[in-house]
């Protein structure tokens, strides 16, 4: 009798332990199931979006480039609460932001990390952390000068990806143009 009671307690303990272990795994499976299935086509789209983001960020700080070319006609750009709608207002916002940004000596680069892209047919989302790094000379220690996050909604038109809506939020290195419009998010 004592043995069977001990066996029931041990069985119940084993069951509860197994349940505790499997519950998080079941949750992870349901989360993974919510993502679209990766196909060769979606992987190619993801690579094209990554390339577009790298091309876009390579132009920052160079003083050149038509940034509105990365956007659809009716796109929305929200940078720290300052919102531009349409290609011309978006290009104007880039021009104004460039005029307000401090002149940097040396080489400026943007690092893109924690990139998460979800492709769903001809639309996609991209979330990224960006970090601006400046090196005054080849011998100087690089310095982090700005950092933040962005959430992008993209569309594919004629085989190419474009920004439809972008929300960019600074977490450090905020420049003067955005001081009044900035809201933590």
N, C-alpha and C. Protein backbone atom coordinates (compact mmCIF):
# COMPACT_ATOMS: atom_id res chain seq x y z
N UNK A 1 0.82 -1.18 0.00
CA UNK A 1 0.00 0.00 0.00
C UNK A 1 0.87 1.26 0.00
N UNK A 2 1.88 1.27 0.84
CA UNK A 2 2.79 2.40 0.89
C UNK A 2 3.52 2.54 -0.44
N UNK A 3 3.89 1.41 -1.02
CA UNK A 3 4.57 1.43 -2.31
C UNK A 3 3.68 2.01 -3.40
N UNK A 4 2.38 1.62 -3.45
CA UNK A 4 1.50 2.12 -4.50
C UNK A 4 1.23 3.62 -4.30
N UNK A 5 1.13 4.07 -3.06
CA UNK A 5 0.95 5.50 -2.80
C UNK A 5 2.18 6.27 -3.27
N UNK A 6 3.37 5.75 -2.96
CA UNK A 6 4.63 6.36 -3.41
C UNK A 6 4.69 6.39 -4.93
N UNK A 7 4.25 5.33 -5.58
CA UNK A 7 4.25 5.26 -7.04
C UNK A 7 3.31 6.30 -7.63
N UNK A 8 2.11 6.50 -7.03
CA UNK A 8 1.17 7.51 -7.51
C UNK A 8 1.75 8.92 -7.36
N UNK A 9 2.38 9.20 -6.25
CA UNK A 9 2.99 10.52 -6.03
C UNK A 9 4.11 10.75 -7.03
N UNK A 10 4.92 9.72 -7.25
CA UNK A 10 6.01 9.83 -8.20
C UNK A 10 5.47 10.03 -9.61
N UNK A 11 4.41 9.31 -9.97
CA UNK A 11 3.81 9.45 -11.29
C UNK A 11 3.22 10.85 -11.46
N UNK A 12 2.51 11.34 -10.45
CA UNK A 12 1.92 12.68 -10.50
C UNK A 12 3.03 13.73 -10.60
N UNK A 13 4.09 13.59 -9.84
CA UNK A 13 5.21 14.52 -9.88
C UNK A 13 5.85 14.51 -11.26
N UNK A 14 6.05 13.33 -11.83
CA UNK A 14 6.61 13.21 -13.17
C UNK A 14 5.71 13.89 -14.19
N UNK A 15 4.40 13.69 -14.09
CA UNK A 15 3.44 14.30 -15.00
C UNK A 15 3.49 15.82 -14.91
N UNK A 16 3.50 16.37 -13.70
CA UNK A 16 3.55 17.82 -13.52
C UNK A 16 4.87 18.40 -14.03
N UNK A 17 5.95 17.70 -13.80
CA UNK A 17 7.25 18.13 -14.30
C UNK A 17 7.27 18.13 -15.82
N UNK A 18 6.75 17.07 -16.43
CA UNK A 18 6.69 16.99 -17.89
C UNK A 18 5.82 18.11 -18.46
N UNK A 19 4.70 18.39 -17.80
CA UNK A 19 3.81 19.46 -18.23
C UNK A 19 4.52 20.82 -18.16
N UNK A 20 5.25 21.04 -17.08
CA UNK A 20 5.98 22.30 -16.91
C UNK A 20 7.05 22.48 -17.99
N UNK A 21 7.64 21.38 -18.40
CA UNK A 21 8.67 21.44 -19.44
C UNK A 21 8.05 21.64 -20.81
N UNK A 22 6.94 20.97 -21.08
CA UNK A 22 6.35 21.00 -22.41
C UNK A 22 5.53 22.25 -22.70
N UNK A 23 4.98 22.91 -21.69
CA UNK A 23 4.15 24.10 -21.92
C UNK A 23 4.90 25.20 -22.67
N UNK A 24 6.13 25.58 -22.25
CA UNK A 24 6.84 26.61 -23.02
C UNK A 24 7.13 26.15 -24.44
N UNK A 25 7.42 24.87 -24.63
CA UNK A 25 7.68 24.36 -25.98
C UNK A 25 6.43 24.47 -26.83
N UNK A 26 5.26 24.18 -26.28
CA UNK A 26 4.00 24.30 -27.02
C UNK A 26 3.75 25.75 -27.39
N UNK A 27 4.07 26.67 -26.50
CA UNK A 27 3.91 28.10 -26.78
C UNK A 27 4.83 28.52 -27.91
N UNK A 28 6.07 28.05 -27.92
CA UNK A 28 7.01 28.38 -28.98
C UNK A 28 6.54 27.83 -30.32
N UNK A 29 5.95 26.65 -30.31
CA UNK A 29 5.45 26.07 -31.56
C UNK A 29 4.31 26.92 -32.11
N UNK A 30 3.39 27.37 -31.26
CA UNK A 30 2.29 28.19 -31.77
C UNK A 30 2.79 29.53 -32.27
N UNK A 31 3.81 30.11 -31.64
CA UNK A 31 4.38 31.37 -32.12
C UNK A 31 5.04 31.17 -33.47
N UNK A 32 5.80 30.09 -33.62
CA UNK A 32 6.45 29.82 -34.90
C UNK A 32 5.42 29.55 -35.98
N UNK A 33 4.29 28.96 -35.61
CA UNK A 33 3.26 28.64 -36.58
C UNK A 33 2.60 29.91 -37.13
N UNK A 34 2.69 31.03 -36.42
CA UNK A 34 2.08 32.27 -36.88
C UNK A 34 2.88 32.94 -37.98
N UNK A 35 4.14 32.61 -38.13
CA UNK A 35 4.98 33.17 -39.18
C UNK A 35 4.64 32.53 -40.51
N UNK A 36 4.72 33.30 -41.61
CA UNK A 36 4.54 32.67 -42.92
C UNK A 36 5.64 31.65 -43.17
N UNK A 37 5.32 30.64 -43.92
CA UNK A 37 6.27 29.58 -44.24
C UNK A 37 7.36 30.14 -45.15
N UNK A 38 8.61 29.83 -44.85
CA UNK A 38 9.73 30.26 -45.68
C UNK A 38 9.79 29.42 -46.93
N UNK A 39 9.84 30.09 -48.06
CA UNK A 39 9.99 29.42 -49.35
C UNK A 39 11.20 30.04 -50.04
N UNK A 40 11.62 29.47 -51.15
CA UNK A 40 12.72 30.08 -51.89
C UNK A 40 12.37 31.51 -52.30
N UNK A 41 11.12 31.72 -52.66
CA UNK A 41 10.67 33.05 -53.07
C UNK A 41 10.72 34.04 -51.91
N UNK A 42 10.24 33.65 -50.72
CA UNK A 42 10.27 34.57 -49.59
C UNK A 42 11.70 34.82 -49.11
N UNK A 43 12.55 33.81 -49.22
CA UNK A 43 13.96 34.01 -48.85
C UNK A 43 14.64 34.98 -49.81
N UNK A 44 14.32 34.89 -51.10
CA UNK A 44 14.86 35.83 -52.08
C UNK A 44 14.35 37.24 -51.79
N UNK A 45 13.05 37.36 -51.50
CA UNK A 45 12.49 38.67 -51.15
C UNK A 45 13.17 39.24 -49.92
N UNK A 46 13.39 38.40 -48.93
CA UNK A 46 14.06 38.85 -47.70
C UNK A 46 15.46 39.38 -48.02
N UNK A 47 16.20 38.68 -48.86
CA UNK A 47 17.54 39.12 -49.25
C UNK A 47 17.47 40.45 -50.01
N UNK A 48 16.46 40.62 -50.87
CA UNK A 48 16.31 41.88 -51.60
C UNK A 48 16.00 43.03 -50.65
N UNK A 49 15.19 42.77 -49.63
CA UNK A 49 14.87 43.81 -48.64
C UNK A 49 16.12 44.18 -47.85
N UNK A 50 16.90 43.19 -47.44
CA UNK A 50 18.15 43.46 -46.73
C UNK A 50 19.07 44.33 -47.58
N UNK A 51 19.21 43.98 -48.87
CA UNK A 51 20.05 44.76 -49.77
C UNK A 51 19.53 46.19 -49.90
N UNK A 52 18.21 46.36 -49.99
CA UNK A 52 17.64 47.70 -50.09
C UNK A 52 17.97 48.51 -48.84
N UNK A 53 17.82 47.91 -47.67
CA UNK A 53 18.13 48.61 -46.42
C UNK A 53 19.61 49.02 -46.37
N UNK A 54 20.50 48.13 -46.78
CA UNK A 54 21.93 48.44 -46.79
C UNK A 54 22.21 49.58 -47.77
N UNK A 55 21.61 49.52 -48.97
CA UNK A 55 21.80 50.59 -49.96
C UNK A 55 21.29 51.92 -49.43
N UNK A 56 20.13 51.90 -48.78
CA UNK A 56 19.55 53.12 -48.21
C UNK A 56 20.49 53.70 -47.15
N UNK A 57 20.90 52.88 -46.19
CA UNK A 57 21.72 53.38 -45.09
C UNK A 57 23.12 53.80 -45.54
N UNK A 58 23.62 53.23 -46.64
CA UNK A 58 24.93 53.62 -47.15
C UNK A 58 24.93 55.07 -47.63
N UNK A 59 23.77 55.59 -48.02
CA UNK A 59 23.68 56.97 -48.51
C UNK A 59 23.62 57.99 -47.38
N UNK A 60 23.25 57.57 -46.18
CA UNK A 60 23.15 58.51 -45.06
C UNK A 60 24.52 59.09 -44.74
N UNK A 61 24.55 60.39 -44.54
CA UNK A 61 25.80 61.05 -44.17
C UNK A 61 26.72 61.34 -45.33
N UNK A 62 26.32 60.96 -46.55
CA UNK A 62 27.18 61.21 -47.71
C UNK A 62 26.83 62.52 -48.40
N UNK A 63 25.66 63.08 -48.10
CA UNK A 63 25.23 64.31 -48.74
C UNK A 63 24.68 64.09 -50.13
N UNK A 64 24.53 62.86 -50.53
CA UNK A 64 24.02 62.59 -51.88
C UNK A 64 22.89 61.59 -51.87
N UNK A 65 22.23 61.52 -52.98
CA UNK A 65 21.20 60.50 -53.13
C UNK A 65 19.79 61.02 -53.01
N UNK A 66 18.91 60.42 -53.79
CA UNK A 66 17.50 60.75 -53.75
C UNK A 66 16.82 59.72 -52.86
N UNK A 67 16.61 60.07 -51.60
CA UNK A 67 16.03 59.12 -50.66
C UNK A 67 14.59 58.80 -50.99
N UNK A 68 13.87 59.71 -51.64
CA UNK A 68 12.48 59.43 -51.97
C UNK A 68 12.36 58.29 -52.97
N UNK A 69 13.42 57.95 -53.67
CA UNK A 69 13.39 56.82 -54.62
C UNK A 69 13.17 55.48 -53.92
N UNK A 70 13.36 55.44 -52.60
CA UNK A 70 13.14 54.22 -51.84
C UNK A 70 11.69 54.06 -51.39
N UNK A 71 10.84 55.06 -51.69
CA UNK A 71 9.47 55.11 -51.19
C UNK A 71 8.45 55.04 -52.32
N UNK A 72 7.26 54.50 -52.02
CA UNK A 72 6.14 54.58 -52.95
C UNK A 72 5.59 56.00 -52.90
N UNK A 73 4.78 56.34 -53.89
CA UNK A 73 4.27 57.71 -54.03
C UNK A 73 3.54 58.23 -52.78
N UNK A 74 2.72 57.38 -52.16
CA UNK A 74 1.91 57.82 -51.01
C UNK A 74 2.49 57.36 -49.67
N UNK A 75 3.79 57.16 -49.63
CA UNK A 75 4.45 56.65 -48.41
C UNK A 75 4.35 57.64 -47.25
N UNK A 76 4.54 57.10 -46.05
CA UNK A 76 4.56 57.89 -44.82
C UNK A 76 5.88 57.62 -44.12
N UNK A 77 6.56 58.70 -43.75
CA UNK A 77 7.80 58.61 -42.99
C UNK A 77 7.60 59.34 -41.67
N UNK A 78 7.77 58.63 -40.57
CA UNK A 78 7.63 59.19 -39.23
C UNK A 78 8.98 59.05 -38.54
N UNK A 79 9.68 60.16 -38.39
CA UNK A 79 10.98 60.15 -37.72
C UNK A 79 10.82 60.89 -36.41
N UNK A 80 10.83 60.16 -35.32
CA UNK A 80 10.72 60.75 -33.99
C UNK A 80 9.51 61.67 -33.85
N UNK A 81 8.41 61.29 -34.48
CA UNK A 81 7.18 62.07 -34.38
C UNK A 81 7.02 63.15 -35.43
N UNK A 82 8.05 63.43 -36.21
CA UNK A 82 7.96 64.36 -37.33
C UNK A 82 7.53 63.54 -38.54
N UNK A 83 6.34 63.83 -39.08
CA UNK A 83 5.73 62.97 -40.10
C UNK A 83 5.70 63.68 -41.45
N UNK A 84 6.11 62.95 -42.49
CA UNK A 84 6.02 63.42 -43.88
C UNK A 84 5.24 62.39 -44.68
N UNK A 85 4.32 62.90 -45.53
CA UNK A 85 3.48 62.01 -46.35
C UNK A 85 3.68 62.36 -47.81
N UNK A 86 4.11 61.39 -48.59
CA UNK A 86 4.36 61.60 -50.01
C UNK A 86 5.83 61.83 -50.30
N UNK A 87 6.23 61.57 -51.56
CA UNK A 87 7.64 61.63 -51.92
C UNK A 87 8.28 63.00 -51.71
N UNK A 88 7.62 64.06 -52.16
CA UNK A 88 8.20 65.41 -52.04
C UNK A 88 8.38 65.81 -50.57
N UNK A 89 7.34 65.68 -49.72
CA UNK A 89 7.55 66.01 -48.30
C UNK A 89 8.62 65.12 -47.64
N UNK A 90 8.71 63.86 -48.06
CA UNK A 90 9.74 62.97 -47.51
C UNK A 90 11.13 63.48 -47.90
N UNK A 91 11.32 63.86 -49.16
CA UNK A 91 12.61 64.37 -49.59
C UNK A 91 12.93 65.68 -48.86
N UNK A 92 11.92 66.52 -48.66
CA UNK A 92 12.12 67.77 -47.91
C UNK A 92 12.56 67.49 -46.47
N UNK A 93 11.97 66.46 -45.85
CA UNK A 93 12.36 66.10 -44.48
C UNK A 93 13.82 65.65 -44.43
N UNK A 94 14.24 64.87 -45.43
CA UNK A 94 15.65 64.44 -45.47
C UNK A 94 16.57 65.65 -45.61
N UNK A 95 16.19 66.60 -46.47
CA UNK A 95 17.01 67.80 -46.68
C UNK A 95 17.12 68.61 -45.39
N UNK A 96 15.98 68.80 -44.72
CA UNK A 96 15.97 69.57 -43.48
C UNK A 96 16.79 68.88 -42.38
N UNK A 97 16.63 67.56 -42.28
CA UNK A 97 17.39 66.80 -41.27
C UNK A 97 18.89 66.86 -41.54
N UNK A 98 19.28 66.80 -42.80
CA UNK A 98 20.70 66.87 -43.15
C UNK A 98 21.28 68.24 -42.79
N UNK A 99 20.51 69.30 -43.01
CA UNK A 99 20.98 70.65 -42.67
C UNK A 99 21.14 70.81 -41.16
N UNK A 100 20.32 70.12 -40.39
CA UNK A 100 20.34 70.24 -38.93
C UNK A 100 21.36 69.30 -38.28
N UNK A 101 21.83 68.30 -39.03
CA UNK A 101 22.76 67.32 -38.46
C UNK A 101 24.15 67.92 -38.33
N UNK A 102 24.87 67.54 -37.28
CA UNK A 102 26.22 68.07 -37.11
C UNK A 102 27.16 67.55 -38.20
N UNK A 103 28.05 68.43 -38.64
CA UNK A 103 29.07 68.00 -39.61
C UNK A 103 30.08 67.12 -38.89
N UNK A 104 30.36 65.99 -39.47
CA UNK A 104 31.31 65.06 -38.84
C UNK A 104 32.57 64.96 -39.68
N UNK A 105 33.69 64.88 -39.01
CA UNK A 105 34.97 64.64 -39.70
C UNK A 105 35.15 63.15 -39.83
N UNK A 106 35.76 62.73 -40.89
CA UNK A 106 36.09 61.31 -41.04
C UNK A 106 35.01 60.51 -41.72
N UNK A 107 34.89 59.26 -41.30
CA UNK A 107 33.99 58.30 -41.93
C UNK A 107 32.84 57.96 -41.01
N UNK A 108 31.64 58.07 -41.55
CA UNK A 108 30.41 57.74 -40.82
C UNK A 108 29.79 56.50 -41.44
N UNK A 109 29.41 55.55 -40.61
CA UNK A 109 28.76 54.31 -41.07
C UNK A 109 27.56 54.01 -40.19
N UNK A 110 26.57 53.35 -40.77
CA UNK A 110 25.41 52.87 -40.01
C UNK A 110 25.49 51.35 -39.95
N UNK A 111 25.37 50.84 -38.74
CA UNK A 111 25.31 49.40 -38.53
C UNK A 111 23.86 49.00 -38.35
N UNK A 112 23.44 47.94 -39.01
CA UNK A 112 22.07 47.42 -38.88
C UNK A 112 22.16 46.09 -38.15
N UNK A 113 21.44 45.98 -37.04
CA UNK A 113 21.48 44.75 -36.26
C UNK A 113 20.07 44.32 -35.88
N UNK A 114 19.97 43.09 -35.38
CA UNK A 114 18.72 42.51 -34.92
C UNK A 114 17.62 42.62 -35.98
N UNK A 115 18.02 42.45 -37.22
CA UNK A 115 17.11 42.58 -38.35
C UNK A 115 16.10 41.44 -38.36
N UNK A 116 14.83 41.80 -38.44
CA UNK A 116 13.76 40.80 -38.53
C UNK A 116 12.86 41.22 -39.68
N UNK A 117 12.80 40.38 -40.69
CA UNK A 117 11.98 40.65 -41.88
C UNK A 117 10.96 39.53 -42.02
N UNK A 118 9.71 39.93 -42.20
CA UNK A 118 8.64 38.96 -42.43
C UNK A 118 8.00 39.31 -43.77
N UNK A 119 8.08 38.38 -44.71
CA UNK A 119 7.53 38.57 -46.05
C UNK A 119 6.22 37.83 -46.15
N UNK A 120 5.22 38.51 -46.71
CA UNK A 120 3.91 37.91 -46.91
C UNK A 120 3.40 38.33 -48.29
N UNK A 121 3.82 37.57 -49.30
CA UNK A 121 3.44 37.91 -50.67
C UNK A 121 4.17 39.15 -51.14
N UNK A 122 3.39 40.18 -51.54
CA UNK A 122 3.99 41.43 -52.03
C UNK A 122 4.05 42.51 -50.95
N UNK A 123 3.90 42.11 -49.71
CA UNK A 123 4.07 43.04 -48.60
C UNK A 123 5.03 42.40 -47.59
N UNK A 124 5.62 43.25 -46.78
CA UNK A 124 6.59 42.76 -45.79
C UNK A 124 6.72 43.78 -44.68
N UNK A 125 7.26 43.33 -43.56
CA UNK A 125 7.64 44.23 -42.48
C UNK A 125 9.11 43.98 -42.17
N UNK A 126 9.76 45.02 -41.72
CA UNK A 126 11.16 44.90 -41.31
C UNK A 126 11.33 45.71 -40.02
N UNK A 127 11.98 45.09 -39.05
CA UNK A 127 12.32 45.76 -37.80
C UNK A 127 13.83 45.66 -37.65
N UNK A 128 14.45 46.77 -37.26
CA UNK A 128 15.91 46.81 -37.19
C UNK A 128 16.34 47.78 -36.09
N UNK A 129 17.50 47.51 -35.53
CA UNK A 129 18.18 48.46 -34.66
C UNK A 129 19.32 49.04 -35.49
N UNK A 130 19.42 50.36 -35.51
CA UNK A 130 20.50 51.02 -36.25
C UNK A 130 21.41 51.76 -35.28
N UNK A 131 22.69 51.78 -35.63
CA UNK A 131 23.69 52.45 -34.80
C UNK A 131 24.64 53.22 -35.69
N UNK A 132 24.76 54.53 -35.47
CA UNK A 132 25.68 55.36 -36.22
C UNK A 132 27.04 55.37 -35.55
N UNK A 133 28.07 55.10 -36.33
CA UNK A 133 29.45 55.05 -35.83
C UNK A 133 30.29 56.01 -36.66
N UNK A 134 31.10 56.82 -35.99
CA UNK A 134 31.97 57.75 -36.70
C UNK A 134 33.42 57.52 -36.31
N UNK A 135 34.30 57.55 -37.32
CA UNK A 135 35.75 57.45 -37.11
C UNK A 135 36.39 58.69 -37.72
N UNK A 136 36.95 59.56 -36.87
CA UNK A 136 37.54 60.80 -37.39
C UNK A 136 38.73 60.54 -38.29
N UNK A 137 39.57 59.57 -37.91
CA UNK A 137 40.71 59.18 -38.74
C UNK A 137 40.81 57.66 -38.70
N UNK A 138 41.64 57.14 -39.53
CA UNK A 138 41.84 55.69 -39.55
C UNK A 138 42.50 55.20 -38.27
N UNK A 139 43.17 56.09 -37.53
CA UNK A 139 43.83 55.71 -36.29
C UNK A 139 42.99 56.00 -35.05
N UNK A 140 41.95 56.80 -35.21
CA UNK A 140 41.13 57.15 -34.04
C UNK A 140 40.18 56.01 -33.68
N UNK A 141 39.79 56.00 -32.44
CA UNK A 141 38.84 55.01 -31.96
C UNK A 141 37.44 55.37 -32.48
N UNK A 142 36.74 54.46 -33.12
CA UNK A 142 35.39 54.77 -33.58
C UNK A 142 34.49 55.13 -32.40
N UNK A 143 33.54 56.05 -32.65
CA UNK A 143 32.62 56.47 -31.60
C UNK A 143 31.19 56.26 -32.05
N UNK A 144 30.38 55.75 -31.12
CA UNK A 144 28.95 55.65 -31.37
C UNK A 144 28.38 57.07 -31.26
N UNK A 145 27.65 57.51 -32.29
CA UNK A 145 27.12 58.87 -32.27
C UNK A 145 25.59 58.91 -32.25
N UNK A 146 24.94 57.83 -32.62
CA UNK A 146 23.49 57.77 -32.56
C UNK A 146 23.03 56.32 -32.61
N UNK A 147 21.82 56.10 -32.09
CA UNK A 147 21.30 54.74 -32.09
C UNK A 147 19.80 54.77 -31.95
N UNK A 148 19.12 53.81 -32.58
CA UNK A 148 17.67 53.76 -32.48
C UNK A 148 17.09 52.53 -33.15
N UNK A 149 15.78 52.60 -33.35
CA UNK A 149 15.04 51.48 -33.93
C UNK A 149 14.15 51.98 -35.05
N UNK A 150 13.76 51.06 -35.91
CA UNK A 150 12.77 51.40 -36.92
C UNK A 150 11.87 50.21 -37.21
N UNK A 151 10.66 50.55 -37.62
CA UNK A 151 9.70 49.55 -38.08
C UNK A 151 9.26 50.01 -39.47
N UNK A 152 9.42 49.12 -40.44
CA UNK A 152 9.08 49.44 -41.82
C UNK A 152 7.98 48.52 -42.34
N UNK A 153 7.08 49.11 -43.11
CA UNK A 153 6.11 48.35 -43.89
C UNK A 153 6.50 48.56 -45.34
N UNK A 154 6.66 47.46 -46.06
CA UNK A 154 7.16 47.53 -47.43
C UNK A 154 6.17 46.89 -48.40
N UNK A 155 6.28 47.30 -49.67
CA UNK A 155 5.49 46.69 -50.74
C UNK A 155 6.42 46.41 -51.91
N UNK A 156 6.06 45.37 -52.65
CA UNK A 156 6.85 45.00 -53.83
C UNK A 156 6.07 45.42 -55.07
N UNK A 157 6.70 46.27 -55.88
CA UNK A 157 6.10 46.76 -57.12
C UNK A 157 7.09 46.52 -58.26
N UNK A 158 6.61 45.90 -59.33
CA UNK A 158 7.45 45.65 -60.51
C UNK A 158 8.77 44.97 -60.14
N UNK A 159 8.72 44.02 -59.20
CA UNK A 159 9.88 43.24 -58.83
C UNK A 159 10.84 43.92 -57.86
N UNK A 160 10.47 45.09 -57.35
CA UNK A 160 11.36 45.84 -56.45
C UNK A 160 10.61 46.22 -55.17
N UNK A 161 11.34 46.25 -54.05
CA UNK A 161 10.76 46.58 -52.75
C UNK A 161 10.90 48.06 -52.46
N UNK A 162 9.82 48.64 -51.87
CA UNK A 162 9.78 50.06 -51.51
C UNK A 162 9.19 50.21 -50.11
N UNK A 163 9.56 51.32 -49.46
CA UNK A 163 8.94 51.66 -48.18
C UNK A 163 7.54 52.19 -48.42
N UNK A 164 6.61 51.69 -47.65
CA UNK A 164 5.23 52.20 -47.65
C UNK A 164 5.01 53.07 -46.41
N UNK A 165 5.52 52.61 -45.29
CA UNK A 165 5.42 53.34 -44.03
C UNK A 165 6.65 53.01 -43.19
N UNK A 166 7.25 54.05 -42.62
CA UNK A 166 8.42 53.87 -41.76
C UNK A 166 8.22 54.65 -40.48
N UNK A 167 8.55 54.01 -39.38
CA UNK A 167 8.54 54.67 -38.07
C UNK A 167 9.93 54.50 -37.49
N UNK A 168 10.64 55.63 -37.37
CA UNK A 168 12.02 55.64 -36.90
C UNK A 168 12.04 56.34 -35.54
N UNK A 169 12.68 55.69 -34.57
CA UNK A 169 12.73 56.23 -33.22
C UNK A 169 14.17 56.24 -32.72
N UNK A 170 14.65 57.40 -32.32
CA UNK A 170 16.00 57.51 -31.76
C UNK A 170 15.99 57.06 -30.30
N UNK A 171 17.05 56.36 -29.93
CA UNK A 171 17.27 55.98 -28.53
C UNK A 171 18.48 56.70 -27.95
N UNK A 172 19.22 57.39 -28.80
CA UNK A 172 20.40 58.14 -28.36
C UNK A 172 20.95 58.96 -29.51
N UNK A 173 21.53 60.11 -29.20
CA UNK A 173 22.10 60.97 -30.23
C UNK A 173 21.06 61.78 -30.99
N UNK A 174 19.94 62.09 -30.37
CA UNK A 174 18.86 62.84 -31.00
C UNK A 174 19.36 64.22 -31.43
N UNK A 175 19.09 64.59 -32.69
CA UNK A 175 19.50 65.91 -33.17
C UNK A 175 18.39 66.93 -32.94
N UNK A 176 18.74 68.20 -33.02
CA UNK A 176 17.85 69.30 -32.68
C UNK A 176 16.52 69.33 -33.41
N UNK A 177 16.50 68.95 -34.67
CA UNK A 177 15.28 69.02 -35.46
C UNK A 177 14.14 68.19 -34.86
N UNK A 178 14.50 67.16 -34.10
CA UNK A 178 13.48 66.24 -33.57
C UNK A 178 13.17 66.47 -32.08
N UNK A 179 13.78 67.44 -31.46
CA UNK A 179 13.57 67.65 -30.02
C UNK A 179 12.11 67.91 -29.65
N UNK A 180 11.41 68.72 -30.43
CA UNK A 180 10.02 69.06 -30.11
C UNK A 180 9.06 67.93 -30.44
N UNK A 181 9.33 67.18 -31.48
CA UNK A 181 8.40 66.13 -31.92
C UNK A 181 8.66 64.78 -31.28
N UNK A 182 9.82 64.61 -30.65
CA UNK A 182 10.20 63.30 -30.10
C UNK A 182 9.25 62.84 -29.00
N UNK A 183 8.84 61.57 -29.11
CA UNK A 183 8.05 60.91 -28.09
C UNK A 183 8.63 59.52 -27.89
N UNK A 184 8.92 59.13 -26.66
CA UNK A 184 9.40 57.76 -26.44
C UNK A 184 8.34 56.76 -26.92
N UNK A 185 8.76 55.77 -27.64
CA UNK A 185 7.83 54.73 -28.09
C UNK A 185 8.53 53.39 -28.15
